[in-house]
Amino acid sequence: MDAAQLDQVVATLWRVESPRVIARLARLVGDLDTAEELAQDTFLAAIEKWRTEGVPDNPGAWLNRTAKFLAIDRLRRRDSRRSKYQQVAATAPETVEHDLDEIVDGDLADDLLGLIFMSCHPILSPDARSALTLKLVCGLTTTEVARAFLAPEATIAQRIVRAKRTLAAANIRFELPDPSGRRARLDAVREVVYLVFNEGHAASSGDQWVRRDLAAEALRLGRMLASLTPDDTETLGLLALIELQASRINARTGPDGQPVLLRDQDRTRWDRLLIRRGLDNLDRIQALGGSPGPYALQAAIAACHARATTAEDTDWARIAALYDGLAQINPSPVVELNRGVATAEAFGPQAGLDLVLPLFEHPGMGEYPLLPAVAGDLWCRLGDHAQARELFLRAASLTQNTQDRSVMQQRAATCAAGH
């Protein structure tokens, strides 16, 4: 394996394994900055070692073992230098008295969920919680986090740095809080788990349209969160939404990895067990009573797709009505964009455009590639191929995902041919 190939392997492993490594290190050392620094040292050690010995059969296990040893060495040197080992052991056992084998081999979802709860501490602002956790749990770059928030990269970078400093200054520990403490963080935790799933379901950058590792991680986290709060209807709504959307992952790409849009998917490839679980969770929400929240409404929308045996059977009028309700209780430009898509399917492309076009004036949507992509599709259906082509090319220039870019370029070429 040459240097370029090794760099590519390590880059891929960083994306997949760094959240796991950071979560376990944070449990051990109790400090996010130190955990991130040790994770980076671990991957540097991997490059040096694997350059001469090759990549091991189980690189994830190698990384976790190496991270553990680096952490132990760091803790011992720190304690020796400060000559306060006994004092640290007595006052902060959470950070020094762990079963290290359990940290490496223990439950991954528990580690990641603990990291999310730590990062979603109420001492942080909602935006800071989500940005920090996306970076740590998803392994996203600051640029990718900024894109997810439709915000400038410098703003997100400052937000993440301030968040880590705030947690360190307040001595916030790595832990799953007790039931009373969980309630204050649930909204932020749910948001982050769903953002993790979204990045897996439709990757914002890279060569893959779907990141199955992140989608599976979010599904595990959603189930664990639901087990911690079994009577919380919004957490059940989040889990139902993830299950229903995850049921379509196998059909979202073709044999060559190219994207397959919802209307063109082979629905026999949808996971019926996940659909059943998602629908069962919606039934549980209804049995618990109360008004459905944003996640439950989105799960109800996903259920409309899951129940349709063909694309033509989709109840778009109901989906549009559900989006109307969602826009009232959780207004956002992205919800409005999806509402425009549903309205176009139910009542025609012009009705959809009437909702979509004003979004181009929204300050946060200028760099959002799905906006020109949707508008281009609607103009194409109305027969204005020149306008559609321009919008598809704009969407292609905005996306950082190579598969998305290829699809948009193909749509633009089709429009240029007048089809």
Protein backbone atom coordinates (compact mmCIF):
# COMPACT_ATOMS: atom_id res chain seq x y z
CA MET A 1 0.00 0.00 0.00
CA ASP A 2 1.53 3.31 -1.06
CA ALA A 3 1.41 6.54 0.97
CA ALA A 4 -1.59 7.96 -0.91
CA GLN A 5 -3.62 4.78 -0.37
CA LEU A 6 -2.70 4.70 3.31
CA ASP A 7 -3.73 8.34 3.71
CA GLN A 8 -7.10 7.52 2.13
CA VAL A 9 -7.61 4.53 4.44
CA VAL A 10 -6.77 6.59 7.53
CA ALA A 11 -9.01 9.45 6.38
CA THR A 12 -11.91 7.02 5.98
CA LEU A 13 -11.21 5.45 9.37
CA TRP A 14 -11.09 8.90 10.97
CA ARG A 15 -14.55 9.59 9.65
CA VAL A 16 -15.93 6.29 10.90
CA GLU A 17 -13.88 5.51 14.01
CA SER A 18 -12.95 8.88 15.52
CA PRO A 19 -16.35 9.41 17.21
CA ARG A 20 -16.01 6.00 18.87
CA VAL A 21 -12.43 6.72 19.96
CA ILE A 22 -13.28 10.20 21.26
CA ALA A 23 -16.32 8.91 23.16
CA ARG A 24 -14.32 6.25 24.96
CA LEU A 25 -11.44 8.62 25.66
CA ALA A 26 -13.84 11.22 27.04
CA ARG A 27 -15.22 8.62 29.43
CA LEU A 28 -11.67 7.90 30.59
CA VAL A 29 -10.09 11.36 30.80
CA GLY A 30 -13.25 13.41 31.34
CA ASP A 31 -12.18 16.27 29.07
CA LEU A 32 -13.22 16.80 25.46
CA ASP A 33 -10.14 18.74 24.36
CA THR A 34 -7.84 16.08 25.79
CA ALA A 35 -9.94 13.32 24.24
CA GLU A 36 -9.76 14.94 20.81
CA GLU A 37 -6.02 15.53 21.15
CA LEU A 38 -5.44 11.90 22.15
CA ALA A 39 -7.59 10.71 19.25
CA GLN A 40 -5.46 12.71 16.84
CA ASP A 41 -2.30 11.27 18.41
CA THR A 42 -3.79 7.80 17.97
CA PHE A 43 -4.32 8.28 14.26
CA LEU A 44 -0.84 9.75 13.83
CA ALA A 45 0.54 6.65 15.54
CA ALA A 46 -1.51 4.53 13.16
CA ILE A 47 0.00 6.20 10.11
CA GLU A 48 3.54 5.66 11.40
CA LYS A 49 2.93 2.06 12.42
CA TRP A 50 0.88 0.98 9.40
CA ARG A 51 3.31 2.57 6.96
CA THR A 52 5.81 -0.20 7.77
CA GLU A 53 3.61 -3.02 9.05
CA GLY A 54 0.43 -2.58 7.01
CA VAL A 55 -3.13 -1.99 8.14
CA PRO A 56 -4.23 -4.59 10.75
CA ASP A 57 -7.17 -6.91 10.17
CA ASN A 58 -9.26 -5.03 12.74
CA PRO A 59 -8.12 -1.38 12.57
CA GLY A 60 -10.92 -0.18 14.86
CA ALA A 61 -9.76 -2.44 17.70
CA TRP A 62 -6.15 -1.37 17.10
CA LEU A 63 -7.13 2.30 17.31
CA ASN A 64 -9.08 1.81 20.54
CA ARG A 65 -6.26 -0.15 22.21
CA THR A 66 -3.69 2.46 21.19
CA ALA A 67 -5.95 5.28 22.37
CA LYS A 68 -6.35 3.54 25.74
CA PHE A 69 -2.60 3.20 26.21
CA LEU A 70 -1.98 6.82 25.21
CA ALA A 71 -4.65 7.94 27.67
CA ILE A 72 -3.19 5.87 30.50
CA ASP A 73 0.25 7.30 29.79
CA ARG A 74 -1.16 10.83 29.71
CA LEU A 75 -3.00 10.37 33.02
CA ARG A 76 0.05 8.85 34.72
CA ARG A 77 2.36 11.60 33.52
CA ARG A 78 -0.13 14.26 34.53
CA ASP A 79 -0.61 12.78 37.97
CA SER A 80 3.10 12.25 38.48
CA ARG A 81 3.93 15.80 37.42
CA ARG A 82 1.36 17.30 39.73
CA SER A 83 2.16 14.90 42.58
CA LYS A 84 -1.54 14.78 43.30
CA TYR A 85 -2.54 11.30 42.28
CA GLN A 86 -4.19 10.51 45.60
CA GLN A 87 -6.05 13.79 45.63
CA VAL A 88 -7.34 13.29 42.08
CA ALA A 89 -8.39 9.71 42.86
CA ALA A 90 -10.33 10.91 45.90
CA THR A 91 -12.00 13.95 44.37
CA ALA A 92 -12.61 12.93 40.76
CA PRO A 93 -12.81 9.13 40.54
CA GLU A 94 -14.89 9.37 37.39
CA THR A 95 -11.87 10.49 35.42
CA VAL A 96 -9.25 8.07 36.72
CA GLU A 97 -10.88 4.95 38.15
CA HIS A 98 -12.33 3.06 35.20
CA ASP A 99 -12.10 -0.52 34.06
CA LEU A 100 -9.99 0.19 31.01
CA ASP A 101 -10.92 -3.06 29.29
CA GLU A 102 -14.56 -2.10 29.67
CA ILE A 103 -13.84 1.26 28.07
CA VAL A 104 -12.39 -0.43 25.01
CA ASP A 105 -14.83 -3.32 24.79
CA GLY A 106 -17.94 -1.86 26.42
CA ASP A 107 -21.17 -0.76 24.84
CA LEU A 108 -20.47 1.70 22.04
CA ALA A 109 -23.93 3.23 21.99
CA ASP A 110 -23.65 3.91 25.73
CA ASP A 111 -20.33 5.70 25.16
CA LEU A 112 -21.68 7.76 22.29
CA LEU A 113 -24.90 8.58 24.09
CA GLY A 114 -22.89 9.69 27.12
CA LEU A 115 -20.81 11.91 24.86
CA ILE A 116 -23.98 13.41 23.36
CA PHE A 117 -25.48 14.11 26.80
CA MET A 118 -22.22 15.74 27.86
CA SER A 119 -22.13 17.91 24.76
CA CYS A 120 -25.82 18.78 25.15
CA HIS A 121 -25.44 20.13 28.68
CA PRO A 122 -27.90 23.01 29.33
CA ILE A 123 -24.96 25.27 30.20
CA LEU A 124 -24.42 25.53 26.42
CA SER A 125 -26.63 27.34 23.95
CA PRO A 126 -28.79 25.11 21.70
CA ASP A 127 -26.71 25.91 18.60
CA ALA A 128 -23.45 25.23 20.44
CA ARG A 129 -24.73 21.86 21.68
CA SER A 130 -25.69 20.69 18.23
CA ALA A 131 -22.56 21.99 16.51
CA LEU A 132 -20.22 20.43 19.07
CA THR A 133 -21.95 17.06 18.95
CA LEU A 134 -22.09 16.94 15.17
CA LYS A 135 -18.35 17.46 15.08
CA LEU A 136 -17.59 14.91 17.78
CA VAL A 137 -20.19 12.22 17.10
CA CYS A 138 -20.40 12.46 13.31
CA GLY A 139 -16.73 13.17 12.75
CA LEU A 140 -17.77 16.06 10.51
CA THR A 141 -15.36 18.83 9.65
CA THR A 142 -16.14 22.35 10.74
CA THR A 143 -17.02 23.15 7.12
CA GLU A 144 -19.56 20.33 7.03
CA VAL A 145 -21.08 21.36 10.35
CA ALA A 146 -21.40 24.91 9.04
CA ARG A 147 -23.20 23.60 5.97
CA ALA A 148 -25.61 21.62 8.15
CA PHE A 149 -26.44 24.81 10.07
CA LEU A 150 -26.51 27.06 6.98
CA ALA A 151 -24.01 29.29 8.82
CA PRO A 152 -20.54 30.73 8.09
CA GLU A 153 -17.66 28.39 8.87
CA ALA A 154 -15.91 30.95 11.12
CA THR A 155 -19.07 31.27 13.21
CA ILE A 156 -19.30 27.51 13.71
CA ALA A 157 -15.58 27.21 14.54
CA GLN A 158 -15.89 29.86 17.26
CA ARG A 159 -19.07 28.21 18.55
CA ILE A 160 -17.35 24.83 18.93
CA VAL A 161 -14.27 26.26 20.64
CA ARG A 162 -16.38 28.27 23.09
CA ALA A 163 -18.54 25.24 23.84
CA LYS A 164 -15.55 23.08 24.77
CA ARG A 165 -14.05 25.83 26.91
CA THR A 166 -17.37 26.32 28.71
CA LEU A 167 -17.66 22.62 29.51
CA ALA A 168 -14.06 22.47 30.75
CA ALA A 169 -14.42 25.59 32.88
CA ALA A 170 -17.58 24.23 34.49
CA ASN A 171 -15.95 20.81 35.04
CA ILE A 172 -18.81 19.03 33.26
CA ARG A 173 -18.20 15.30 33.54
CA PHE A 174 -18.73 12.53 31.01
CA GLU A 175 -21.85 10.74 32.24
CA LEU A 176 -25.40 9.74 31.53
CA PRO A 177 -27.39 12.07 33.82
CA ASP A 178 -30.12 10.79 36.13
CA PRO A 179 -33.75 10.92 34.90
CA SER A 180 -34.32 14.46 36.21
CA GLY A 181 -31.16 15.68 34.50
CA ARG A 182 -32.01 14.00 31.22
CA ARG A 183 -35.23 15.94 30.78
CA ALA A 184 -33.41 19.27 30.50
CA ARG A 185 -31.22 17.91 27.69
CA LEU A 186 -33.69 15.76 25.77
CA ASP A 187 -34.60 18.32 23.10
CA ALA A 188 -30.96 18.91 22.21
CA VAL A 189 -30.09 15.19 22.34
CA ARG A 190 -32.97 14.31 20.03
CA GLU A 191 -31.92 17.01 17.60
CA VAL A 192 -28.36 15.75 17.50
CA VAL A 193 -29.32 12.09 17.08
CA TYR A 194 -31.49 13.07 14.13
CA LEU A 195 -28.74 15.22 12.63
CA VAL A 196 -26.44 12.20 12.89
CA PHE A 197 -29.03 10.11 11.06
CA ASN A 198 -29.53 12.76 8.38
CA GLU A 199 -25.81 12.86 7.66
CA GLY A 200 -25.91 9.07 7.26
CA HIS A 201 -29.09 9.04 5.22
CA ALA A 202 -27.90 11.75 2.82
CA ALA A 203 -24.21 12.59 3.24
CA SER A 204 -23.44 16.28 2.87
CA SER A 205 -20.01 15.60 1.34
CA GLY A 206 -17.74 12.85 0.08
CA ASP A 207 -18.14 10.18 -2.58
CA GLN A 208 -20.99 8.24 -0.97
CA TRP A 209 -24.59 9.35 -1.13
CA VAL A 210 -25.42 7.24 1.93
CA ARG A 211 -23.25 6.68 5.02
CA ARG A 212 -24.66 3.48 6.47
CA ASP A 213 -22.33 3.57 9.48
CA LEU A 214 -23.79 6.86 10.72
CA ALA A 215 -27.37 5.81 9.96
CA ALA A 216 -26.89 2.59 11.93
CA GLU A 217 -25.26 4.52 14.79
CA ALA A 218 -28.19 6.93 14.96
CA LEU A 219 -30.64 4.02 14.97
CA ARG A 220 -28.83 2.44 17.94
CA LEU A 221 -28.69 5.77 19.75
CA GLY A 222 -32.38 6.39 19.09
CA ARG A 223 -33.31 3.01 20.53
CA MET A 224 -31.16 3.53 23.60
CA LEU A 225 -32.64 7.00 24.13
CA ALA A 226 -36.16 5.56 23.82
CA SER A 227 -35.30 2.89 26.39
CA LEU A 228 -34.19 5.64 28.80
CA THR A 229 -37.42 7.62 28.27
CA PRO A 230 -40.06 5.02 27.28
CA ASP A 231 -43.08 7.30 27.80
CA ASP A 232 -41.73 10.35 25.99
CA THR A 233 -43.78 10.71 22.82
CA GLU A 234 -41.27 12.91 21.00
CA THR A 235 -38.45 10.45 21.62
CA LEU A 236 -40.69 7.68 20.30
CA GLY A 237 -41.50 9.94 17.35
CA LEU A 238 -37.79 10.40 16.68
CA LEU A 239 -37.21 6.64 16.80
CA ALA A 240 -40.19 5.98 14.53
CA LEU A 241 -38.94 8.57 12.06
CA ILE A 242 -35.44 7.08 11.97
CA GLU A 243 -36.77 3.55 11.60
CA LEU A 244 -39.12 4.47 8.76
CA GLN A 245 -36.52 6.47 6.88
CA ALA A 246 -33.80 3.88 7.50
CA SER A 247 -36.08 1.23 6.00
CA ARG A 248 -35.43 2.77 2.55
CA ILE A 249 -31.63 2.96 2.73
CA ASN A 250 -30.99 -0.25 0.74
CA ALA A 251 -33.08 1.11 -2.13
CA ARG A 252 -31.56 4.62 -2.17
CA THR A 253 -28.57 3.61 -4.28
CA GLY A 254 -28.16 1.38 -7.31
CA PRO A 255 -25.55 -1.33 -7.89
CA ASP A 256 -22.99 1.29 -8.94
CA GLY A 257 -23.66 3.49 -5.90
CA GLN A 258 -25.59 6.07 -7.91
CA PRO A 259 -28.52 7.75 -6.11
CA VAL A 260 -32.03 6.42 -6.72
CA LEU A 261 -34.75 8.97 -6.02
CA LEU A 262 -37.78 8.01 -3.92
CA ARG A 263 -40.17 7.82 -6.84
CA ASP A 264 -37.86 5.41 -8.69
CA GLN A 265 -36.94 3.10 -5.81
CA ASP A 266 -37.59 -0.64 -5.84
CA ARG A 267 -39.92 -0.84 -2.86
CA THR A 268 -39.41 -4.57 -2.50
CA ARG A 269 -35.95 -3.62 -1.17
CA TRP A 270 -37.44 -1.61 1.69
CA ASP A 271 -36.89 -3.20 5.09
CA ARG A 272 -40.34 -4.37 6.20
CA LEU A 273 -39.19 -5.10 9.77
CA LEU A 274 -38.02 -1.51 10.24
CA ILE A 275 -41.28 -0.26 8.75
CA ARG A 276 -43.26 -2.43 11.17
CA ARG A 277 -41.22 -1.14 14.11
CA GLY A 278 -41.71 2.45 13.03
CA LEU A 279 -45.47 2.02 12.63
CA ASP A 280 -45.66 0.27 16.01
CA ASN A 281 -43.95 3.24 17.63
CA LEU A 282 -46.47 5.56 16.03
CA ASP A 283 -49.22 3.41 17.56
CA ARG A 284 -47.50 3.74 20.96
CA ILE A 285 -47.47 7.52 20.57
CA GLN A 286 -51.18 7.54 19.83
CA ALA A 287 -51.87 5.32 22.85
CA LEU A 288 -49.92 7.67 25.12
CA GLY A 289 -52.09 10.59 23.95
CA GLY A 290 -51.28 14.27 23.67
CA SER A 291 -50.56 16.43 20.66
CA PRO A 292 -47.90 15.11 18.27
CA GLY A 293 -44.65 17.05 18.21
CA PRO A 294 -42.32 17.75 15.26
CA TYR A 295 -40.69 14.30 15.20
CA ALA A 296 -44.00 12.48 15.50
CA LEU A 297 -45.40 14.56 12.62
CA GLN A 298 -42.37 13.82 10.46
CA ALA A 299 -42.72 10.13 11.34
CA ALA A 300 -46.36 10.29 10.22
CA ILE A 301 -45.16 11.73 6.91
CA ALA A 302 -42.61 8.92 6.54
CA ALA A 303 -45.39 6.44 7.32
CA CYS A 304 -47.37 7.72 4.32
CA HIS A 305 -44.47 6.70 2.09
CA ALA A 306 -44.00 3.39 3.90
CA ARG A 307 -47.65 2.42 3.43
CA ALA A 308 -47.65 3.19 -0.31
CA THR A 309 -46.95 0.06 -2.34
CA THR A 310 -46.07 2.20 -5.39
CA ALA A 311 -45.04 5.82 -5.84
CA GLU A 312 -48.42 6.51 -7.46
CA ASP A 313 -50.22 5.27 -4.33
CA THR A 314 -48.60 7.92 -2.10
CA ASP A 315 -51.15 10.06 -0.27
CA TRP A 316 -49.56 13.40 -1.10
CA ALA A 317 -52.57 15.39 0.06
CA ARG A 318 -52.17 13.96 3.56
CA ILE A 319 -48.42 14.57 3.45
CA ALA A 320 -49.01 18.21 2.44
CA ALA A 321 -51.48 18.60 5.31
CA LEU A 322 -48.98 17.11 7.77
CA TYR A 323 -46.34 19.55 6.53
CA ASP A 324 -48.82 22.38 7.05
CA GLY A 325 -49.09 21.30 10.68
CA LEU A 326 -45.34 20.90 11.02
CA ALA A 327 -44.75 24.39 9.62
CA GLN A 328 -47.05 25.80 12.28
CA ILE A 329 -45.35 24.19 15.30
CA ASN A 330 -41.77 24.03 13.99
CA PRO A 331 -41.33 26.68 11.27
CA SER A 332 -38.06 26.65 9.35
CA PRO A 333 -36.96 27.24 5.74
CA VAL A 334 -36.13 23.55 5.33
CA VAL A 335 -39.60 22.52 6.52
CA GLU A 336 -41.04 25.07 4.10
CA LEU A 337 -38.99 23.62 1.26
CA ASN A 338 -40.27 20.12 2.00
CA ARG A 339 -43.78 21.54 2.28
CA GLY A 340 -43.33 22.99 -1.20
CA VAL A 341 -42.33 19.57 -2.56
CA ALA A 342 -45.38 17.90 -1.01
CA THR A 343 -47.69 20.67 -2.21
CA ALA A 344 -46.34 20.32 -5.74
CA GLU A 345 -46.99 16.58 -5.70
CA ALA A 346 -50.49 17.05 -4.33
CA PHE A 347 -51.64 20.16 -6.20
CA GLY A 348 -49.22 20.74 -9.09
CA PRO A 349 -45.77 22.27 -9.65
CA GLN A 350 -46.95 25.89 -9.69
CA ALA A 351 -48.48 25.53 -6.22
CA GLY A 352 -45.16 24.16 -5.04
CA LEU A 353 -43.16 26.96 -6.66
CA ASP A 354 -45.31 29.54 -4.91
CA LEU A 355 -43.95 28.21 -1.63
CA VAL A 356 -40.39 27.51 -2.78
CA LEU A 357 -39.44 30.71 -4.62
CA PRO A 358 -39.68 33.03 -1.57
CA LEU A 359 -37.05 30.86 0.13
CA PHE A 360 -34.38 32.26 -2.20
CA GLU A 361 -34.69 35.49 -0.20
CA HIS A 362 -34.01 33.71 3.09
CA PRO A 363 -30.50 34.63 4.32
CA GLY A 364 -29.70 31.09 5.45
CA MET A 365 -30.65 29.32 2.23
CA GLY A 366 -28.17 30.84 -0.21
CA GLU A 367 -25.72 27.92 0.09
CA TYR A 368 -28.30 25.16 0.52
CA PRO A 369 -28.08 22.97 -2.62
CA LEU A 370 -31.50 21.35 -2.23
CA LEU A 371 -33.27 24.67 -2.76
CA PRO A 372 -32.17 25.21 -6.39
CA ALA A 373 -32.49 21.45 -6.97
CA VAL A 374 -36.15 21.47 -5.94
CA ALA A 375 -36.88 24.70 -7.80
CA GLY A 376 -35.17 23.30 -10.90
CA ASP A 377 -37.34 20.19 -10.79
CA LEU A 378 -40.51 22.26 -10.51
CA TRP A 379 -39.53 24.60 -13.37
CA CYS A 380 -38.70 21.54 -15.45
CA ARG A 381 -42.15 20.09 -14.82
CA LEU A 382 -43.65 23.41 -15.90
CA GLY A 383 -41.68 23.25 -19.15
CA ASP A 384 -39.16 26.06 -18.52
CA HIS A 385 -36.06 23.96 -19.27
CA ALA A 386 -33.66 26.92 -19.50
CA GLN A 387 -34.52 28.11 -16.01
CA ALA A 388 -34.41 24.55 -14.71
CA ARG A 389 -30.97 23.97 -16.24
CA GLU A 390 -29.55 27.07 -14.58
CA LEU A 391 -30.89 25.98 -11.20
CA PHE A 392 -29.57 22.42 -11.54
CA LEU A 393 -26.12 23.77 -12.35
CA ARG A 394 -26.33 26.04 -9.33
CA ALA A 395 -27.25 23.06 -7.13
CA ALA A 396 -24.31 21.11 -8.59
CA SER A 397 -21.92 23.94 -7.74
CA LEU A 398 -23.17 24.13 -4.14
CA THR A 399 -23.13 20.48 -3.12
CA GLN A 400 -20.02 18.88 -1.68
CA ASN A 401 -21.27 15.36 -2.38
CA THR A 402 -19.94 13.96 -5.66
CA GLN A 403 -22.99 11.73 -6.21
CA ASP A 404 -25.38 14.65 -5.77
CA ARG A 405 -23.25 16.76 -8.09
CA SER A 406 -23.37 14.07 -10.78
CA VAL A 407 -27.17 13.82 -10.54
CA MET A 408 -27.59 17.59 -10.80
CA GLN A 409 -25.25 17.79 -13.78
CA GLN A 410 -27.20 15.02 -15.51
CA ARG A 411 -30.47 16.85 -14.86
CA ALA A 412 -28.96 20.03 -16.29
CA ALA A 413 -27.83 18.15 -19.41
CA THR A 414 -31.31 16.72 -19.85
CA CYS A 415 -32.80 20.20 -19.60
CA ALA A 416 -30.30 21.50 -22.18
CA ALA A 417 -31.66 18.87 -24.56
CA GLY A 418 -35.15 20.22 -23.97
CA HIS A 419 -36.52 17.18 -22.13
